[in-house]
Amino acid sequence: MMKLKLEREQREALVGRVQSFFELERDESIGSIAAEQLLDYMLAELGPYVYNQAISDARKTVAERLQSVEDELYALEQSVSVKRTRGR
């Protein structure tokens, strides 16, 4: 899997959220470098699990949609009667 790359704005927002988490939940203050390092670590460690779950969810959704399309196609089929000719 490729390394997850975030847009600069997304990265800055997430670093801020990590810092807020530490402030609110742990009553600790961490700097932006520490928050960024923690974010990088969590992305590297959790990213593959989240990615794989997303792929699994997408696979399930696509399979359900394909089944729906297949059902609709069967519904569109017209019945065909075979006419028999005499002598054969």
Protein backbone atom coordinates (compact mmCIF):
# COMPACT_ATOMS: atom_id res chain seq x y z
CA MET A 1 0.00 0.00 0.00
CA MET A 2 1.17 3.47 -0.75
CA LYS A 3 1.84 5.84 2.09
CA LEU A 4 -1.19 7.98 2.81
CA LYS A 5 -0.55 11.56 1.78
CA LEU A 6 -2.69 14.32 3.19
CA GLU A 7 -3.22 17.76 1.79
CA ARG A 8 -1.43 20.44 3.79
CA GLU A 9 -4.72 21.86 5.05
CA GLN A 10 -5.95 18.42 6.14
CA ARG A 11 -2.67 17.69 7.89
CA GLU A 12 -2.72 21.01 9.75
CA ALA A 13 -6.33 20.45 10.79
CA LEU A 14 -5.55 16.96 12.08
CA VAL A 15 -2.49 18.16 13.97
CA GLY A 16 -4.71 20.76 15.63
CA ARG A 17 -7.25 18.06 16.51
CA VAL A 18 -4.53 15.90 18.07
CA GLN A 19 -3.40 18.86 20.14
CA SER A 20 -7.00 19.56 21.17
CA PHE A 21 -7.49 15.93 22.14
CA PHE A 22 -4.48 16.04 24.44
CA GLU A 23 -5.69 19.29 25.97
CA LEU A 24 -9.29 18.19 26.53
CA GLU A 25 -8.93 14.49 27.28
CA ARG A 26 -5.55 14.27 28.97
CA ASP A 27 -5.11 17.79 30.28
CA GLU A 28 -1.71 17.86 28.58
CA SER A 29 -0.22 20.23 26.09
CA ILE A 30 1.81 18.95 23.15
CA GLY A 31 3.49 20.93 20.44
CA SER A 32 2.77 20.72 16.76
CA ILE A 33 5.89 18.62 16.06
CA ALA A 34 4.88 16.01 18.65
CA ALA A 35 1.30 16.05 17.35
CA GLU A 36 2.55 15.62 13.79
CA GLN A 37 4.79 12.71 14.80
CA LEU A 38 1.89 11.05 16.58
CA LEU A 39 -0.32 11.59 13.54
CA ASP A 40 2.33 10.04 11.25
CA TYR A 41 2.67 7.06 13.58
CA MET A 42 -1.09 6.51 13.82
CA LEU A 43 -1.52 6.79 10.05
CA ALA A 44 1.26 4.27 9.46
CA GLU A 45 -0.07 1.84 12.08
CA LEU A 46 -3.84 2.23 11.64
CA GLY A 47 -3.94 3.27 7.99
CA PRO A 48 -3.68 -0.24 6.50
CA TYR A 49 -6.48 -1.55 8.74
CA VAL A 50 -8.78 1.35 7.88
CA TYR A 51 -7.88 1.08 4.19
CA ASN A 52 -8.58 -2.66 4.11
CA GLN A 53 -11.93 -2.17 5.85
CA ALA A 54 -12.85 0.54 3.34
CA ILE A 55 -11.95 -1.79 0.46
CA SER A 56 -14.05 -4.55 2.03
CA ASP A 57 -17.00 -2.19 2.45
CA ALA A 58 -16.64 -0.98 -1.15
CA ARG A 59 -16.43 -4.57 -2.41
CA LYS A 60 -19.65 -5.44 -0.55
CA THR A 61 -21.44 -2.36 -1.91
CA VAL A 62 -20.35 -3.09 -5.49
CA ALA A 63 -21.45 -6.73 -5.17
CA GLU A 64 -24.87 -5.64 -3.89
CA ARG A 65 -25.27 -3.14 -6.71
CA LEU A 66 -24.19 -5.70 -9.32
CA GLN A 67 -26.72 -8.18 -7.93
CA SER A 68 -29.39 -5.50 -8.22
CA VAL A 69 -28.42 -4.78 -11.83
CA GLU A 70 -28.42 -8.50 -12.60
CA ASP A 71 -31.92 -8.85 -11.11
CA GLU A 72 -33.12 -5.91 -13.21
CA LEU A 73 -31.63 -7.42 -16.36
CA TYR A 74 -33.37 -10.75 -15.72
CA ALA A 75 -36.63 -8.84 -15.25
CA LEU A 76 -36.16 -7.23 -18.68
CA GLU A 77 -35.75 -10.55 -20.47
CA GLN A 78 -38.65 -11.55 -22.64
CA SER A 79 -39.98 -15.05 -22.76
CA VAL A 80 -39.30 -16.95 -25.96
CA SER A 81 -41.53 -19.74 -27.13
CA VAL A 82 -40.12 -22.34 -29.47
CA LYS A 83 -42.47 -23.15 -32.35
CA ARG A 84 -42.37 -26.68 -33.52
CA THR A 85 -42.88 -27.51 -37.13
CA ARG A 86 -44.58 -30.69 -38.33
CA GLY A 87 -42.51 -33.51 -39.55
CA ARG A 88 -39.53 -32.92 -37.45
